[in-house]
Amino acid sequence: MAEVATKILEESLGKLVLLRLRGNRSLRGKLQGFDMHMNLVLEEADDISDPENTQSLGTIIVRGDNVVIVSPSPR
C-alpha cells in the first residue's frame, strides 16, 4: 500500500469513512483497523447502496480486493 494511502487510513482510524465496493455497493462506517492488503474493519457499518433502504450491518471486515474507493469523512 502506498505511503499516502496508509497515512490517510491512519488519520481516519476511529472516524467515519465511505467505501465504494465492486458491484456498485457502498458502505459507511467507523474505521477500526486495516492491514497492508487494505482489508478494513468497520464498526457501526451501514450498507448505503440504496439510499431509500439502508441496512445496518454492525461490525464487519471488508476484504481489500473488493474496495474500489475509500473516502475519509470531511469532519
N, C-alpha and C. Protein backbone atom coordinates (compact mmCIF):
# COMPACT_ATOMS: atom_id res chain seq x y z
N MET A 1 0.86 -1.17 0.00
CA MET A 1 0.00 0.00 0.00
C MET A 1 0.90 1.23 0.00
N ALA A 2 0.51 2.23 -0.73
CA ALA A 2 1.31 3.44 -0.83
C ALA A 2 1.34 4.16 0.51
N GLU A 3 2.42 4.90 0.73
CA GLU A 3 2.57 5.63 1.99
C GLU A 3 1.45 6.64 2.20
N VAL A 4 1.01 7.29 1.13
CA VAL A 4 -0.05 8.28 1.25
C VAL A 4 -1.35 7.62 1.69
N ALA A 5 -1.67 6.47 1.09
CA ALA A 5 -2.89 5.75 1.46
C ALA A 5 -2.84 5.30 2.92
N THR A 6 -1.68 4.80 3.35
CA THR A 6 -1.52 4.38 4.74
C THR A 6 -1.72 5.55 5.69
N LYS A 7 -1.15 6.69 5.35
CA LYS A 7 -1.27 7.88 6.19
C LYS A 7 -2.74 8.31 6.31
N ILE A 8 -3.45 8.32 5.19
CA ILE A 8 -4.86 8.72 5.20
C ILE A 8 -5.68 7.75 6.04
N LEU A 9 -5.42 6.45 5.88
CA LEU A 9 -6.16 5.47 6.67
C LEU A 9 -5.84 5.60 8.16
N GLU A 10 -4.58 5.84 8.50
CA GLU A 10 -4.21 6.03 9.91
C GLU A 10 -4.92 7.24 10.50
N GLU A 11 -5.01 8.32 9.72
CA GLU A 11 -5.69 9.53 10.20
C GLU A 11 -7.20 9.33 10.31
N SER A 12 -7.73 8.33 9.60
CA SER A 12 -9.17 8.07 9.61
C SER A 12 -9.60 7.05 10.66
N LEU A 13 -8.63 6.46 11.37
CA LEU A 13 -8.99 5.48 12.41
C LEU A 13 -9.91 6.12 13.45
N GLY A 14 -10.99 5.43 13.75
CA GLY A 14 -11.97 5.92 14.71
C GLY A 14 -12.94 6.93 14.14
N LYS A 15 -12.81 7.23 12.84
CA LYS A 15 -13.68 8.21 12.19
C LYS A 15 -14.53 7.54 11.13
N LEU A 16 -15.56 8.23 10.71
CA LEU A 16 -16.47 7.75 9.69
C LEU A 16 -15.79 7.77 8.32
N VAL A 17 -15.93 6.68 7.57
CA VAL A 17 -15.42 6.60 6.19
C VAL A 17 -16.53 6.08 5.28
N LEU A 18 -16.42 6.44 4.02
CA LEU A 18 -17.32 5.92 3.00
C LEU A 18 -16.53 5.00 2.09
N LEU A 19 -17.08 3.86 1.75
CA LEU A 19 -16.42 2.90 0.88
C LEU A 19 -17.27 2.65 -0.35
N ARG A 20 -16.62 2.57 -1.49
CA ARG A 20 -17.27 2.10 -2.72
C ARG A 20 -16.64 0.75 -3.01
N LEU A 21 -17.48 -0.26 -3.17
CA LEU A 21 -17.01 -1.62 -3.40
C LEU A 21 -17.35 -2.07 -4.82
N ARG A 22 -16.73 -3.16 -5.24
CA ARG A 22 -17.10 -3.77 -6.52
C ARG A 22 -18.58 -4.08 -6.50
N GLY A 23 -19.19 -4.07 -7.67
CA GLY A 23 -20.62 -4.38 -7.76
C GLY A 23 -21.50 -3.21 -7.37
N ASN A 24 -20.95 -1.99 -7.39
CA ASN A 24 -21.70 -0.77 -7.06
C ASN A 24 -22.31 -0.76 -5.67
N ARG A 25 -21.64 -1.40 -4.72
CA ARG A 25 -22.10 -1.35 -3.32
C ARG A 25 -21.37 -0.23 -2.62
N SER A 26 -22.05 0.41 -1.70
CA SER A 26 -21.48 1.49 -0.90
C SER A 26 -21.72 1.22 0.57
N LEU A 27 -20.68 1.44 1.37
CA LEU A 27 -20.77 1.25 2.82
C LEU A 27 -20.30 2.49 3.52
N ARG A 28 -20.83 2.68 4.72
CA ARG A 28 -20.40 3.78 5.59
C ARG A 28 -20.20 3.18 6.98
N GLY A 29 -19.12 3.58 7.65
CA GLY A 29 -18.89 3.08 8.99
C GLY A 29 -17.64 3.69 9.61
N LYS A 30 -17.44 3.38 10.88
CA LYS A 30 -16.29 3.89 11.62
C LYS A 30 -15.12 2.94 11.42
N LEU A 31 -14.02 3.46 10.88
CA LEU A 31 -12.85 2.64 10.60
C LEU A 31 -12.14 2.27 11.90
N GLN A 32 -12.05 0.97 12.17
CA GLN A 32 -11.40 0.50 13.39
C GLN A 32 -10.02 -0.10 13.13
N GLY A 33 -9.75 -0.51 11.90
CA GLY A 33 -8.44 -1.08 11.61
C GLY A 33 -8.29 -1.41 10.14
N PHE A 34 -7.03 -1.65 9.75
CA PHE A 34 -6.73 -2.04 8.37
C PHE A 34 -5.38 -2.74 8.36
N ASP A 35 -5.09 -3.42 7.25
CA ASP A 35 -3.79 -4.06 7.11
C ASP A 35 -3.18 -3.70 5.76
N MET A 36 -2.04 -4.31 5.45
CA MET A 36 -1.32 -3.95 4.23
C MET A 36 -2.05 -4.35 2.96
N HIS A 37 -3.05 -5.23 3.06
CA HIS A 37 -3.84 -5.65 1.90
C HIS A 37 -5.08 -4.80 1.75
N MET A 38 -5.21 -3.79 2.59
CA MET A 38 -6.34 -2.89 2.65
C MET A 38 -7.63 -3.60 3.06
N ASN A 39 -7.49 -4.72 3.81
CA ASN A 39 -8.64 -5.29 4.49
C ASN A 39 -9.03 -4.29 5.57
N LEU A 40 -10.30 -3.98 5.67
CA LEU A 40 -10.76 -2.94 6.59
C LEU A 40 -11.73 -3.50 7.60
N VAL A 41 -11.65 -3.01 8.82
CA VAL A 41 -12.62 -3.35 9.86
C VAL A 41 -13.45 -2.10 10.10
N LEU A 42 -14.77 -2.23 9.89
CA LEU A 42 -15.70 -1.13 10.11
C LEU A 42 -16.62 -1.47 11.26
N GLU A 43 -16.86 -0.50 12.11
CA GLU A 43 -17.79 -0.63 13.22
C GLU A 43 -19.00 0.24 12.90
N GLU A 44 -20.17 -0.16 13.36
CA GLU A 44 -21.41 0.59 13.11
C GLU A 44 -21.60 0.80 11.60
N ALA A 45 -21.33 -0.23 10.82
CA ALA A 45 -21.39 -0.13 9.36
C ALA A 45 -22.82 -0.16 8.86
N ASP A 46 -23.05 0.58 7.79
CA ASP A 46 -24.33 0.61 7.10
C ASP A 46 -24.10 0.39 5.61
N ASP A 47 -24.96 -0.40 4.99
CA ASP A 47 -24.96 -0.55 3.54
C ASP A 47 -25.85 0.57 2.99
N ILE A 48 -25.24 1.52 2.29
CA ILE A 48 -25.97 2.67 1.78
C ILE A 48 -26.08 2.62 0.26
N SER A 49 -26.00 1.43 -0.31
CA SER A 49 -26.09 1.27 -1.76
C SER A 49 -27.42 1.79 -2.30
N ASP A 50 -28.49 1.56 -1.55
CA ASP A 50 -29.82 2.07 -1.90
C ASP A 50 -30.20 3.08 -0.83
N PRO A 51 -30.10 4.39 -1.14
CA PRO A 51 -30.36 5.43 -0.13
C PRO A 51 -31.74 5.33 0.52
N GLU A 52 -32.71 4.77 -0.17
CA GLU A 52 -34.06 4.66 0.39
C GLU A 52 -34.21 3.44 1.30
N ASN A 53 -33.23 2.54 1.27
CA ASN A 53 -33.32 1.30 2.05
C ASN A 53 -31.94 0.96 2.62
N THR A 54 -31.44 1.75 3.57
CA THR A 54 -30.14 1.46 4.17
C THR A 54 -30.27 0.30 5.15
N GLN A 55 -29.21 -0.48 5.22
CA GLN A 55 -29.19 -1.66 6.10
C GLN A 55 -28.08 -1.52 7.12
N SER A 56 -28.38 -1.73 8.38
CA SER A 56 -27.37 -1.73 9.42
C SER A 56 -26.65 -3.08 9.42
N LEU A 57 -25.31 -3.05 9.41
CA LEU A 57 -24.52 -4.28 9.33
C LEU A 57 -23.72 -4.56 10.61
N GLY A 58 -23.60 -3.58 11.48
CA GLY A 58 -22.82 -3.77 12.70
C GLY A 58 -21.33 -3.71 12.41
N THR A 59 -20.55 -4.57 13.07
CA THR A 59 -19.09 -4.63 12.86
C THR A 59 -18.79 -5.64 11.76
N ILE A 60 -18.03 -5.20 10.75
CA ILE A 60 -17.74 -6.07 9.61
C ILE A 60 -16.27 -5.95 9.20
N ILE A 61 -15.82 -6.95 8.48
CA ILE A 61 -14.50 -6.93 7.84
C ILE A 61 -14.73 -6.89 6.34
N VAL A 62 -14.12 -5.93 5.68
CA VAL A 62 -14.24 -5.80 4.22
C VAL A 62 -12.92 -6.24 3.62
N ARG A 63 -12.98 -7.23 2.77
CA ARG A 63 -11.77 -7.73 2.11
C ARG A 63 -11.24 -6.67 1.15
N GLY A 64 -9.94 -6.42 1.21
CA GLY A 64 -9.31 -5.35 0.47
C GLY A 64 -9.49 -5.41 -1.04
N ASP A 65 -9.57 -6.61 -1.62
CA ASP A 65 -9.69 -6.68 -3.07
C ASP A 65 -11.08 -6.30 -3.57
N ASN A 66 -12.03 -6.06 -2.66
CA ASN A 66 -13.35 -5.57 -3.03
C ASN A 66 -13.45 -4.05 -2.98
N VAL A 67 -12.46 -3.40 -2.37
CA VAL A 67 -12.51 -1.96 -2.17
C VAL A 67 -12.04 -1.23 -3.44
N VAL A 68 -12.89 -0.34 -3.92
CA VAL A 68 -12.56 0.48 -5.08
C VAL A 68 -12.10 1.87 -4.62
N ILE A 69 -12.86 2.48 -3.69
CA ILE A 69 -12.56 3.82 -3.19
C ILE A 69 -12.79 3.86 -1.69
N VAL A 70 -11.90 4.52 -0.97
CA VAL A 70 -12.10 4.84 0.45
C VAL A 70 -12.09 6.35 0.56
N SER A 71 -13.17 6.90 1.10
CA SER A 71 -13.26 8.34 1.25
C SER A 71 -13.35 8.68 2.73
N PRO A 72 -12.35 9.39 3.26
CA PRO A 72 -12.44 9.80 4.66
C PRO A 72 -13.54 10.83 4.85
N SER A 73 -14.07 10.87 6.04
CA SER A 73 -15.11 11.82 6.35
C SER A 73 -14.56 13.24 6.30
N PRO A 74 -15.36 14.20 5.81
CA PRO A 74 -14.89 15.58 5.77
C PRO A 74 -14.83 16.22 7.15
N ARG A 75 -15.43 15.55 8.16
CA ARG A 75 -15.44 16.12 9.52
C ARG A 75 -14.12 15.96 10.21
